Amino acid sequence: MKSSLKIYFLIFIFLIFSTYNIKYGEKNFSIIFPVKEILIKNSVATDPLKLKSDLNFLMDASLLFLNKEKILTTINGYEFISNIEIKKK
């Protein structure tokens, strides 16, 4: 019984230390499903570079914990955008 408890404890400690990341507190850095690229399609009426710079806060953020309200307030500043779509690849 003691040896199995010791093994579970060591596995738990290993998991804790293996998921530690030094850069975690710097930015919206995420290990699980990070946003690596923002792709803007069919942008005839808007400037895609300005839109991409406005959405730059999403870079390296987790897809699981995106702030939908912040994205919508950023997108609502552009009058010609009718919808947005987020795809996970």
C-alpha atoms as a PDB file:
ATOM      1  CA  MET A   1       0.000   0.000   0.000  1.00  0.00           C
ATOM      2  CA  LYS A   2       2.806   2.414   0.857  1.00  0.00           C
ATOM      3  CA  SER A   3       4.673   1.810  -2.385  1.00  0.00           C
ATOM      4  CA  SER A   4       1.594   2.497  -4.537  1.00  0.00           C
ATOM      5  CA  LEU A   5       0.921   5.696  -2.577  1.00  0.00           C
ATOM      6  CA  LYS A   6       4.517   6.762  -3.123  1.00  0.00           C
ATOM      7  CA  ILE A   7       4.229   6.097  -6.872  1.00  0.00           C
ATOM      8  CA  TYR A   8       1.039   8.179  -7.117  1.00  0.00           C
ATOM      9  CA  PHE A   9       2.700  10.982  -5.205  1.00  0.00           C
ATOM     10  CA  LEU A  10       5.736  10.948  -7.517  1.00  0.00           C
ATOM     11  CA  ILE A  11       3.513  10.952 -10.603  1.00  0.00           C
ATOM     12  CA  PHE A  12       1.592  13.907  -9.184  1.00  0.00           C
ATOM     13  CA  ILE A  13       4.819  15.838  -8.482  1.00  0.00           C
ATOM     14  CA  PHE A  14       6.114  15.016 -11.970  1.00  0.00           C
ATOM     15  CA  LEU A  15       2.908  16.336 -13.561  1.00  0.00           C
ATOM     16  CA  ILE A  16       3.076  19.557 -11.565  1.00  0.00           C
ATOM     17  CA  PHE A  17       6.681  20.279 -12.500  1.00  0.00           C
ATOM     18  CA  SER A  18       6.346  19.183 -16.117  1.00  0.00           C
ATOM     19  CA  THR A  19       3.516  21.658 -16.783  1.00  0.00           C
ATOM     20  CA  TYR A  20       5.311  24.645 -15.229  1.00  0.00           C
ATOM     21  CA  ASN A  21       6.144  27.416 -17.690  1.00  0.00           C
ATOM     22  CA  ILE A  22       8.416  30.374 -16.917  1.00  0.00           C
ATOM     23  CA  LYS A  23       6.725  32.710 -19.430  1.00  0.00           C
ATOM     24  CA  TYR A  24       3.217  31.987 -18.130  1.00  0.00           C
ATOM     25  CA  GLY A  25       2.756  35.322 -16.323  1.00  0.00           C
ATOM     26  CA  GLU A  26       4.109  37.565 -19.075  1.00  0.00           C
ATOM     27  CA  LYS A  27       1.149  37.727 -21.426  1.00  0.00           C
ATOM     28  CA  ASN A  28      -1.919  35.729 -22.394  1.00  0.00           C
ATOM     29  CA  PHE A  29       0.434  32.852 -23.032  1.00  0.00           C
ATOM     30  CA  SER A  30      -1.222  29.460 -23.264  1.00  0.00           C
ATOM     31  CA  ILE A  31       0.210  25.997 -23.593  1.00  0.00           C
ATOM     32  CA  ILE A  32      -3.078  24.346 -24.506  1.00  0.00           C
ATOM     33  CA  PHE A  33      -4.536  25.345 -27.918  1.00  0.00           C
ATOM     34  CA  PRO A  34      -2.709  28.678 -28.382  1.00  0.00           C
ATOM     35  CA  VAL A  35      -3.689  31.028 -31.215  1.00  0.00           C
ATOM     36  CA  LYS A  36      -0.725  31.047 -33.588  1.00  0.00           C
ATOM     37  CA  GLU A  37      -2.164  32.839 -36.630  1.00  0.00           C
ATOM     38  CA  ILE A  38      -4.952  35.298 -37.378  1.00  0.00           C
ATOM     39  CA  LEU A  39      -6.198  34.947 -40.933  1.00  0.00           C
ATOM     40  CA  ILE A  40      -8.472  37.622 -42.421  1.00  0.00           C
ATOM     41  CA  LYS A  41     -10.367  36.753 -45.597  1.00  0.00           C
ATOM     42  CA  ASN A  42     -12.559  38.827 -47.929  1.00  0.00           C
ATOM     43  CA  SER A  43     -11.506  42.172 -46.508  1.00  0.00           C
ATOM     44  CA  VAL A  44     -12.424  44.542 -49.326  1.00  0.00           C
ATOM     45  CA  ALA A  45     -13.827  47.436 -47.276  1.00  0.00           C
ATOM     46  CA  THR A  46     -11.509  47.207 -44.248  1.00  0.00           C
ATOM     47  CA  ASP A  47      -7.772  47.431 -43.815  1.00  0.00           C
ATOM     48  CA  PRO A  48      -6.627  43.892 -42.941  1.00  0.00           C
ATOM     49  CA  LEU A  49      -3.388  45.096 -41.322  1.00  0.00           C
ATOM     50  CA  LYS A  50      -5.240  47.437 -38.955  1.00  0.00           C
ATOM     51  CA  LEU A  51      -7.766  44.735 -38.114  1.00  0.00           C
ATOM     52  CA  LYS A  52      -4.982  42.245 -37.464  1.00  0.00           C
ATOM     53  CA  SER A  53      -3.193  44.713 -35.173  1.00  0.00           C
ATOM     54  CA  ASP A  54      -6.446  45.332 -33.279  1.00  0.00           C
ATOM     55  CA  LEU A  55      -6.877  41.581 -32.791  1.00  0.00           C
ATOM     56  CA  ASN A  56      -3.247  41.114 -31.746  1.00  0.00           C
ATOM     57  CA  PHE A  57      -4.314  40.557 -28.114  1.00  0.00           C
ATOM     58  CA  LEU A  58      -5.511  37.093 -29.206  1.00  0.00           C
ATOM     59  CA  MET A  59      -2.026  35.858 -30.120  1.00  0.00           C
ATOM     60  CA  ASP A  60      -0.859  32.996 -27.868  1.00  0.00           C
ATOM     61  CA  ALA A  61      -4.157  33.086 -25.963  1.00  0.00           C
ATOM     62  CA  SER A  62      -5.982  29.813 -25.444  1.00  0.00           C
ATOM     63  CA  LEU A  63      -8.838  28.916 -27.780  1.00  0.00           C
ATOM     64  CA  LEU A  64     -10.695  27.498 -24.805  1.00  0.00           C
ATOM     65  CA  PHE A  65     -10.736  30.768 -22.879  1.00  0.00           C
ATOM     66  CA  LEU A  66     -11.256  33.448 -25.527  1.00  0.00           C
ATOM     67  CA  ASN A  67     -13.091  36.537 -24.321  1.00  0.00           C
ATOM     68  CA  LYS A  68     -16.045  36.712 -26.713  1.00  0.00           C
ATOM     69  CA  GLU A  69     -17.192  40.164 -25.558  1.00  0.00           C
ATOM     70  CA  LYS A  70     -13.750  41.715 -26.085  1.00  0.00           C
ATOM     71  CA  ILE A  71     -13.552  40.258 -29.597  1.00  0.00           C
ATOM     72  CA  LEU A  72     -17.046  41.519 -30.463  1.00  0.00           C
ATOM     73  CA  THR A  73     -16.335  45.052 -29.189  1.00  0.00           C
ATOM     74  CA  THR A  74     -13.163  45.136 -31.294  1.00  0.00           C
ATOM     75  CA  ILE A  75     -15.009  43.870 -34.383  1.00  0.00           C
ATOM     76  CA  ASN A  76     -17.969  46.249 -33.896  1.00  0.00           C
ATOM     77  CA  GLY A  77     -15.586  49.165 -34.485  1.00  0.00           C
ATOM     78  CA  TYR A  78     -15.563  48.161 -38.152  1.00  0.00           C
ATOM     79  CA  GLU A  79     -18.874  48.964 -39.817  1.00  0.00           C
ATOM     80  CA  PHE A  80     -18.494  46.665 -42.844  1.00  0.00           C
ATOM     81  CA  ILE A  81     -17.931  43.394 -40.972  1.00  0.00           C
ATOM     82  CA  SER A  82     -21.097  41.315 -40.919  1.00  0.00           C
ATOM     83  CA  ASN A  83     -19.860  38.143 -39.214  1.00  0.00           C
ATOM     84  CA  ILE A  84     -16.793  36.443 -37.833  1.00  0.00           C
ATOM     85  CA  GLU A  85     -15.832  32.795 -37.679  1.00  0.00           C
ATOM     86  CA  ILE A  86     -13.236  31.111 -35.502  1.00  0.00           C
ATOM     87  CA  LYS A  87     -11.804  27.834 -36.782  1.00  0.00           C
ATOM     88  CA  LYS A  88      -9.563  25.459 -34.900  1.00  0.00           C
ATOM     89  CA  LYS A  89      -7.108  23.461 -36.999  1.00  0.00           C
END
